[in-house]
PDB file of N, CA and C in Angstrom:
ATOM      1  N   MET A   1      32.041 -30.942  -2.359  1.00  0.00           N
ATOM      2  CA  MET A   1      30.927 -31.717  -1.855  1.00  0.00           C
ATOM      3  C   MET A   1      31.136 -33.175  -2.238  1.00  0.00           C
ATOM      4  N   GLY A   2      30.753 -34.067  -1.353  1.00  0.00           N
ATOM      5  CA  GLY A   2      30.913 -35.492  -1.587  1.00  0.00           C
ATOM      6  C   GLY A   2      29.891 -36.030  -2.567  1.00  0.00           C
ATOM      7  N   LYS A   3      30.130 -37.217  -3.007  1.00  0.00           N
ATOM      8  CA  LYS A   3      29.253 -37.886  -3.951  1.00  0.00           C
ATOM      9  C   LYS A   3      28.447 -38.941  -3.199  1.00  0.00           C
ATOM     10  N   VAL A   4      27.155 -39.009  -3.496  1.00  0.00           N
ATOM     11  CA  VAL A   4      26.271 -39.987  -2.875  1.00  0.00           C
ATOM     12  C   VAL A   4      25.688 -40.858  -3.976  1.00  0.00           C
ATOM     13  N   THR A   5      25.735 -42.146  -3.778  1.00  0.00           N
ATOM     14  CA  THR A   5      25.159 -43.081  -4.730  1.00  0.00           C
ATOM     15  C   THR A   5      24.025 -43.820  -4.050  1.00  0.00           C
ATOM     16  N   ILE A   6      22.882 -43.809  -4.688  1.00  0.00           N
ATOM     17  CA  ILE A   6      21.717 -44.527  -4.170  1.00  0.00           C
ATOM     18  C   ILE A   6      21.416 -45.644  -5.152  1.00  0.00           C
ATOM     19  N   GLU A   7      21.389 -46.870  -4.646  1.00  0.00           N
ATOM     20  CA  GLU A   7      21.135 -48.011  -5.509  1.00  0.00           C
ATOM     21  C   GLU A   7      19.908 -48.775  -5.019  1.00  0.00           C
ATOM     22  N   PHE A   8      19.067 -49.160  -5.962  1.00  0.00           N
ATOM     23  CA  PHE A   8      17.918 -49.991  -5.674  1.00  0.00           C
ATOM     24  C   PHE A   8      17.924 -51.139  -6.674  1.00  0.00           C
ATOM     25  N   ASP A   9      17.549 -52.307  -6.223  1.00  0.00           N
ATOM     26  CA  ASP A   9      17.676 -53.498  -7.053  1.00  0.00           C
ATOM     27  C   ASP A   9      16.448 -53.812  -7.899  1.00  0.00           C
ATOM     28  N   ARG A  10      15.283 -53.428  -7.445  1.00  0.00           N
ATOM     29  CA  ARG A  10      14.064 -53.837  -8.149  1.00  0.00           C
ATOM     30  C   ARG A  10      13.252 -52.627  -8.571  1.00  0.00           C
ATOM     31  N   ILE A  11      12.479 -52.812  -9.612  1.00  0.00           N
ATOM     32  CA  ILE A  11      11.613 -51.746 -10.111  1.00  0.00           C
ATOM     33  C   ILE A  11      10.532 -51.406  -9.068  1.00  0.00           C
ATOM     34  N   GLU A  12      10.201 -52.380  -8.213  1.00  0.00           N
ATOM     35  CA  GLU A  12       9.205 -52.154  -7.172  1.00  0.00           C
ATOM     36  C   GLU A  12       9.678 -51.112  -6.159  1.00  0.00           C
ATOM     37  N   GLU A  13      10.952 -50.829  -6.157  1.00  0.00           N
ATOM     38  CA  GLU A  13      11.507 -49.860  -5.226  1.00  0.00           C
ATOM     39  C   GLU A  13      11.475 -48.436  -5.787  1.00  0.00           C
ATOM     40  N   ALA A  14      10.739 -48.232  -6.860  1.00  0.00           N
ATOM     41  CA  ALA A  14      10.663 -46.911  -7.495  1.00  0.00           C
ATOM     42  C   ALA A  14      10.169 -45.850  -6.516  1.00  0.00           C
ATOM     43  N   ASP A  15       9.208 -46.184  -5.664  1.00  0.00           N
ATOM     44  CA  ASP A  15       8.727 -45.223  -4.664  1.00  0.00           C
ATOM     45  C   ASP A  15       9.837 -44.831  -3.696  1.00  0.00           C
ATOM     46  N   ASP A  16      10.663 -45.801  -3.320  1.00  0.00           N
ATOM     47  CA  ASP A  16      11.785 -45.505  -2.434  1.00  0.00           C
ATOM     48  C   ASP A  16      12.776 -44.555  -3.109  1.00  0.00           C
ATOM     49  N   ILE A  17      12.995 -44.765  -4.385  1.00  0.00           N
ATOM     50  CA  ILE A  17      13.883 -43.879  -5.132  1.00  0.00           C
ATOM     51  C   ILE A  17      13.319 -42.471  -5.147  1.00  0.00           C
ATOM     52  N   ARG A  18      12.036 -42.348  -5.468  1.00  0.00           N
ATOM     53  CA  ARG A  18      11.391 -41.034  -5.538  1.00  0.00           C
ATOM     54  C   ARG A  18      11.443 -40.350  -4.175  1.00  0.00           C
ATOM     55  N   ASN A  19      11.183 -41.067  -3.102  1.00  0.00           N
ATOM     56  CA  ASN A  19      11.243 -40.474  -1.760  1.00  0.00           C
ATOM     57  C   ASN A  19      12.650 -40.001  -1.425  1.00  0.00           C
ATOM     58  N   ALA A  20      13.645 -40.787  -1.805  1.00  0.00           N
ATOM     59  CA  ALA A  20      15.026 -40.402  -1.531  1.00  0.00           C
ATOM     60  C   ALA A  20      15.395 -39.139  -2.291  1.00  0.00           C
ATOM     61  N   LEU A  21      14.964 -39.040  -3.523  1.00  0.00           N
ATOM     62  CA  LEU A  21      15.294 -37.877  -4.342  1.00  0.00           C
ATOM     63  C   LEU A  21      14.480 -36.636  -3.978  1.00  0.00           C
ATOM     64  N   ASP A  22      13.269 -36.841  -3.473  1.00  0.00           N
ATOM     65  CA  ASP A  22      12.390 -35.709  -3.156  1.00  0.00           C
ATOM     66  C   ASP A  22      12.472 -35.246  -1.714  1.00  0.00           C
ATOM     67  N   GLY A  23      13.393 -35.776  -0.940  1.00  0.00           N
ATOM     68  CA  GLY A  23      13.499 -35.401   0.474  1.00  0.00           C
ATOM     69  C   GLY A  23      13.585 -33.901   0.687  1.00  0.00           C
ATOM     70  N   TRP A  24      14.328 -33.201  -0.163  1.00  0.00           N
ATOM     71  CA  TRP A  24      14.474 -31.753  -0.013  1.00  0.00           C
ATOM     72  C   TRP A  24      13.139 -31.046  -0.215  1.00  0.00           C
ATOM     73  N   LYS A  25      12.256 -31.609  -1.051  1.00  0.00           N
ATOM     74  CA  LYS A  25      10.944 -30.989  -1.273  1.00  0.00           C
ATOM     75  C   LYS A  25      10.091 -31.075  -0.002  1.00  0.00           C
ATOM     76  N   TYR A  26      10.170 -32.213   0.672  1.00  0.00           N
ATOM     77  CA  TYR A  26       9.436 -32.368   1.925  1.00  0.00           C
ATOM     78  C   TYR A  26       9.952 -31.382   2.968  1.00  0.00           C
ATOM     79  N   LYS A  27      11.257 -31.264   3.056  1.00  0.00           N
ATOM     80  CA  LYS A  27      11.859 -30.333   4.009  1.00  0.00           C
ATOM     81  C   LYS A  27      11.418 -28.908   3.714  1.00  0.00           C
ATOM     82  N   HIS A  28      11.419 -28.534   2.450  1.00  0.00           N
ATOM     83  CA  HIS A  28      11.009 -27.179   2.070  1.00  0.00           C
ATOM     84  C   HIS A  28       9.529 -26.945   2.395  1.00  0.00           C
ATOM     85  N   PHE A  29       8.697 -27.953   2.134  1.00  0.00           N
ATOM     86  CA  PHE A  29       7.277 -27.824   2.443  1.00  0.00           C
ATOM     87  C   PHE A  29       7.053 -27.610   3.935  1.00  0.00           C
ATOM     88  N   ILE A  30       7.734 -28.389   4.765  1.00  0.00           N
ATOM     89  CA  ILE A  30       7.590 -28.239   6.213  1.00  0.00           C
ATOM     90  C   ILE A  30       8.072 -26.861   6.650  1.00  0.00           C
ATOM     91  N   TRP A  31       9.156 -26.367   6.054  1.00  0.00           N
ATOM     92  CA  TRP A  31       9.657 -25.041   6.388  1.00  0.00           C
ATOM     93  C   TRP A  31       8.629 -23.966   6.012  1.00  0.00           C
ATOM     94  N   GLU A  32       8.036 -24.073   4.820  1.00  0.00           N
ATOM     95  CA  GLU A  32       7.010 -23.114   4.380  1.00  0.00           C
ATOM     96  C   GLU A  32       5.799 -23.156   5.312  1.00  0.00           C
ATOM     97  N   LEU A  33       5.379 -24.346   5.694  1.00  0.00           N
ATOM     98  CA  LEU A  33       4.260 -24.490   6.620  1.00  0.00           C
ATOM     99  C   LEU A  33       4.592 -23.843   7.956  1.00  0.00           C
ATOM    100  N   ASP A  34       5.789 -24.086   8.449  1.00  0.00           N
ATOM    101  CA  ASP A  34       6.232 -23.484   9.703  1.00  0.00           C
ATOM    102  C   ASP A  34       6.198 -21.953   9.622  1.00  0.00           C
ATOM    103  N   GLN A  35       6.637 -21.407   8.500  1.00  0.00           N
ATOM    104  CA  GLN A  35       6.642 -19.954   8.332  1.00  0.00           C
ATOM    105  C   GLN A  35       5.227 -19.387   8.287  1.00  0.00           C
ATOM    106  N   LYS A  36       4.307 -20.106   7.660  1.00  0.00           N
ATOM    107  CA  LYS A  36       2.905 -19.668   7.614  1.00  0.00           C
ATOM    108  C   LYS A  36       2.307 -19.681   9.014  1.00  0.00           C
ATOM    109  N   LEU A  37       2.551 -20.749   9.758  1.00  0.00           N
ATOM    110  CA  LEU A  37       2.036 -20.838  11.126  1.00  0.00           C
ATOM    111  C   LEU A  37       2.641 -19.741  11.999  1.00  0.00           C
ATOM    112  N   ARG A  38       3.914 -19.454  11.787  1.00  0.00           N
ATOM    113  CA  ARG A  38       4.591 -18.389  12.534  1.00  0.00           C
ATOM    114  C   ARG A  38       3.940 -17.035  12.231  1.00  0.00           C
ATOM    115  N   SER A  39       3.654 -16.796  10.965  1.00  0.00           N
ATOM    116  CA  SER A  39       3.043 -15.536  10.547  1.00  0.00           C
ATOM    117  C   SER A  39       1.683 -15.332  11.207  1.00  0.00           C
ATOM    118  N   VAL A  40       0.912 -16.392  11.269  1.00  0.00           N
ATOM    119  CA  VAL A  40      -0.399 -16.298  11.916  1.00  0.00           C
ATOM    120  C   VAL A  40      -0.233 -16.043  13.402  1.00  0.00           C
ATOM    121  N   HIS A  41       0.631 -16.812  14.037  1.00  0.00           N
ATOM    122  CA  HIS A  41       0.787 -16.677  15.479  1.00  0.00           C
ATOM    123  C   HIS A  41       1.443 -15.363  15.875  1.00  0.00           C
ATOM    124  N   LYS A  42       2.525 -15.002  15.222  1.00  0.00           N
ATOM    125  CA  LYS A  42       3.294 -13.825  15.632  1.00  0.00           C
ATOM    126  C   LYS A  42       2.667 -12.510  15.192  1.00  0.00           C
ATOM    127  N   TYR A  43       2.164 -12.465  13.957  1.00  0.00           N
ATOM    128  CA  TYR A  43       1.678 -11.204  13.406  1.00  0.00           C
ATOM    129  C   TYR A  43       0.158 -11.112  13.303  1.00  0.00           C
ATOM    130  N   GLY A  44      -0.530 -12.206  13.585  1.00  0.00           N
ATOM    131  CA  GLY A  44      -1.985 -12.188  13.543  1.00  0.00           C
ATOM    132  C   GLY A  44      -2.558 -12.171  12.138  1.00  0.00           C
ATOM    133  N   ALA A  45      -1.763 -12.594  11.150  1.00  0.00           N
ATOM    134  CA  ALA A  45      -2.251 -12.657   9.774  1.00  0.00           C
ATOM    135  C   ALA A  45      -3.219 -13.824   9.634  1.00  0.00           C
ATOM    136  N   ALA A  46      -4.239 -13.635   8.810  1.00  0.00           N
ATOM    137  CA  ALA A  46      -5.212 -14.703   8.602  1.00  0.00           C
ATOM    138  C   ALA A  46      -4.534 -15.913   7.977  1.00  0.00           C
ATOM    139  N   LEU A  47      -5.013 -17.074   8.329  1.00  0.00           N
ATOM    140  CA  LEU A  47      -4.443 -18.309   7.788  1.00  0.00           C
ATOM    141  C   LEU A  47      -4.654 -18.383   6.283  1.00  0.00           C
ATOM    142  N   THR A  48      -5.826 -17.992   5.828  1.00  0.00           N
ATOM    143  CA  THR A  48      -6.111 -17.933   4.394  1.00  0.00           C
ATOM    144  C   THR A  48      -6.715 -16.578   4.067  1.00  0.00           C
ATOM    145  N   GLY A  49      -6.416 -16.097   2.894  1.00  0.00           N
ATOM    146  CA  GLY A  49      -6.967 -14.812   2.458  1.00  0.00           C
ATOM    147  C   GLY A  49      -6.352 -13.645   3.211  1.00  0.00           C
ATOM    148  N   ASN A  50      -7.037 -12.532   3.137  1.00  0.00           N
ATOM    149  CA  ASN A  50      -6.591 -11.322   3.830  1.00  0.00           C
ATOM    150  C   ASN A  50      -7.338 -11.172   5.145  1.00  0.00           C
ATOM    151  N   GLY A  51      -6.863 -10.307   5.968  1.00  0.00           N
ATOM    152  CA  GLY A  51      -7.535 -10.061   7.238  1.00  0.00           C
ATOM    153  C   GLY A  51      -6.698 -10.502   8.407  1.00  0.00           C
ATOM    154  N   GLU A  52      -7.358 -10.566   9.536  1.00  0.00           N
ATOM    155  CA  GLU A  52      -6.672 -10.915  10.776  1.00  0.00           C
ATOM    156  C   GLU A  52      -7.118 -12.277  11.280  1.00  0.00           C
ATOM    157  N   ALA A  53      -6.216 -12.926  11.951  1.00  0.00           N
ATOM    158  CA  ALA A  53      -6.516 -14.232  12.539  1.00  0.00           C
ATOM    159  C   ALA A  53      -7.281 -14.049  13.843  1.00  0.00           C
ATOM    160  N   THR A  54      -8.117 -15.013  14.139  1.00  0.00           N
ATOM    161  CA  THR A  54      -8.807 -15.002  15.423  1.00  0.00           C
ATOM    162  C   THR A  54      -7.846 -15.506  16.493  1.00  0.00           C
ATOM    163  N   GLU A  55      -8.201 -15.300  17.731  1.00  0.00           N
ATOM    164  CA  GLU A  55      -7.382 -15.816  18.837  1.00  0.00           C
ATOM    165  C   GLU A  55      -7.254 -17.333  18.752  1.00  0.00           C
ATOM    166  N   GLU A  56      -8.353 -17.987  18.360  1.00  0.00           N
ATOM    167  CA  GLU A  56      -8.326 -19.445  18.240  1.00  0.00           C
ATOM    168  C   GLU A  56      -7.358 -19.890  17.146  1.00  0.00           C
ATOM    169  N   GLU A  57      -7.379 -19.207  15.995  1.00  0.00           N
ATOM    170  CA  GLU A  57      -6.449 -19.542  14.916  1.00  0.00           C
ATOM    171  C   GLU A  57      -5.010 -19.356  15.372  1.00  0.00           C
ATOM    172  N   MET A  58      -4.751 -18.268  16.045  1.00  0.00           N
ATOM    173  CA  MET A  58      -3.403 -18.004  16.517  1.00  0.00           C
ATOM    174  C   MET A  58      -2.951 -19.081  17.498  1.00  0.00           C
ATOM    175  N   ASP A  59      -3.848 -19.499  18.374  1.00  0.00           N
ATOM    176  CA  ASP A  59      -3.513 -20.533  19.350  1.00  0.00           C
ATOM    177  C   ASP A  59      -3.252 -21.872  18.672  1.00  0.00           C
ATOM    178  N   VAL A  60      -4.108 -22.233  17.730  1.00  0.00           N
ATOM    179  CA  VAL A  60      -3.933 -23.501  17.018  1.00  0.00           C
ATOM    180  C   VAL A  60      -2.627 -23.489  16.224  1.00  0.00           C
ATOM    181  N   CYS A  61      -2.328 -22.387  15.576  1.00  0.00           N
ATOM    182  CA  CYS A  61      -1.082 -22.286  14.803  1.00  0.00           C
ATOM    183  C   CYS A  61       0.132 -22.423  15.718  1.00  0.00           C
ATOM    184  N   TYR A  62       0.066 -21.820  16.883  1.00  0.00           N
ATOM    185  CA  TYR A  62       1.165 -21.941  17.844  1.00  0.00           C
ATOM    186  C   TYR A  62       1.347 -23.398  18.259  1.00  0.00           C
ATOM    187  N   ARG A  63       0.225 -24.052  18.569  1.00  0.00           N
ATOM    188  CA  ARG A  63       0.290 -25.446  19.002  1.00  0.00           C
ATOM    189  C   ARG A  63       0.791 -26.363  17.893  1.00  0.00           C
ATOM    190  N   LEU A  64       0.328 -26.139  16.655  1.00  0.00           N
ATOM    191  CA  LEU A  64       0.786 -26.951  15.537  1.00  0.00           C
ATOM    192  C   LEU A  64       2.277 -26.759  15.281  1.00  0.00           C
ATOM    193  N   ARG A  65       2.716 -25.533  15.342  1.00  0.00           N
ATOM    194  CA  ARG A  65       4.131 -25.246  15.129  1.00  0.00           C
ATOM    195  C   ARG A  65       4.984 -25.931  16.200  1.00  0.00           C
ATOM    196  N   ASP A  66       4.521 -25.863  17.424  1.00  0.00           N
ATOM    197  CA  ASP A  66       5.226 -26.516  18.523  1.00  0.00           C
ATOM    198  C   ASP A  66       5.264 -28.032  18.315  1.00  0.00           C
ATOM    199  N   TYR A  67       4.146 -28.605  17.904  1.00  0.00           N
ATOM    200  CA  TYR A  67       4.061 -30.044  17.666  1.00  0.00           C
ATOM    201  C   TYR A  67       5.016 -30.461  16.543  1.00  0.00           C
ATOM    202  N   ILE A  68       5.011 -29.728  15.446  1.00  0.00           N
ATOM    203  CA  ILE A  68       5.898 -30.047  14.326  1.00  0.00           C
ATOM    204  C   ILE A  68       7.346 -30.040  14.777  1.00  0.00           C
ATOM    205  N   ARG A  69       7.729 -29.026  15.528  1.00  0.00           N
ATOM    206  CA  ARG A  69       9.113 -28.923  15.985  1.00  0.00           C
ATOM    207  C   ARG A  69       9.481 -30.054  16.950  1.00  0.00           C
ATOM    208  N   GLU A  70       8.565 -30.453  17.809  1.00  0.00           N
ATOM    209  CA  GLU A  70       8.822 -31.572  18.715  1.00  0.00           C
ATOM    210  C   GLU A  70       9.032 -32.863  17.932  1.00  0.00           C
ATOM    211  N   GLU A  71       8.174 -33.098  16.947  1.00  0.00           N
ATOM    212  CA  GLU A  71       8.291 -34.314  16.141  1.00  0.00           C
ATOM    213  C   GLU A  71       9.586 -34.326  15.336  1.00  0.00           C
ATOM    214  N   LEU A  72       9.961 -33.195  14.790  1.00  0.00           N
ATOM    215  CA  LEU A  72      11.222 -33.112  14.059  1.00  0.00           C
ATOM    216  C   LEU A  72      12.399 -33.409  14.981  1.00  0.00           C
ATOM    217  N   GLN A  73      12.350 -32.831  16.173  1.00  0.00           N
ATOM    218  CA  GLN A  73      13.440 -33.041  17.123  1.00  0.00           C
ATOM    219  C   GLN A  73      13.535 -34.509  17.535  1.00  0.00           C
ATOM    220  N   GLU A  74      12.400 -35.141  17.781  1.00  0.00           N
ATOM    221  CA  GLU A  74      12.406 -36.558  18.153  1.00  0.00           C
ATOM    222  C   GLU A  74      12.982 -37.443  17.045  1.00  0.00           C
ATOM    223  N   SER A  75      12.816 -37.003  15.804  1.00  0.00           N
ATOM    224  CA  SER A  75      13.340 -37.752  14.661  1.00  0.00           C
ATOM    225  C   SER A  75      14.733 -37.297  14.263  1.00  0.00           C
ATOM    226  N   ASN A  76      15.308 -36.410  15.077  1.00  0.00           N
ATOM    227  CA  ASN A  76      16.644 -35.870  14.813  1.00  0.00           C
ATOM    228  C   ASN A  76      16.720 -35.191  13.444  1.00  0.00           C
ATOM    229  N   LEU A  77      15.647 -34.419  13.134  1.00  0.00           N
ATOM    230  CA  LEU A  77      15.566 -33.663  11.897  1.00  0.00           C
ATOM    231  C   LEU A  77      15.505 -32.180  12.196  1.00  0.00           C
ATOM    232  N   THR A  78      15.869 -31.378  11.213  1.00  0.00           N
ATOM    233  CA  THR A  78      15.792 -29.940  11.356  1.00  0.00           C
ATOM    234  C   THR A  78      15.299 -29.315  10.058  1.00  0.00           C
ATOM    235  N   ILE A  79      14.664 -28.175  10.166  1.00  0.00           N
ATOM    236  CA  ILE A  79      14.235 -27.457   8.950  1.00  0.00           C
ATOM    237  C   ILE A  79      14.986 -26.143   8.828  1.00  0.00           C
ATOM    238  N   GLU A  80      15.919 -25.918   9.718  1.00  0.00           N
ATOM    239  CA  GLU A  80      16.691 -24.674   9.674  1.00  0.00           C
ATOM    240  C   GLU A  80      17.800 -24.764   8.665  1.00  0.00           C
TER     241      GLU A  80
END
């Protein structure tokens, strides 16, 4: 694996450093969210707690999942 060096010149860039280092956490969060939305839409699992999702919940989860994937694609990003 190659080596990557990230350099920042000022202490004010600390947020940029943290964002660069935490990128994998954001990717993992989006993947987990996608899986939860998939579970609701595909299997009818409730969004929170136990039970079954309503038709409206399933529809919203489908739409949100589709929206997330479109936005990722437009930004040339993937969660796979």
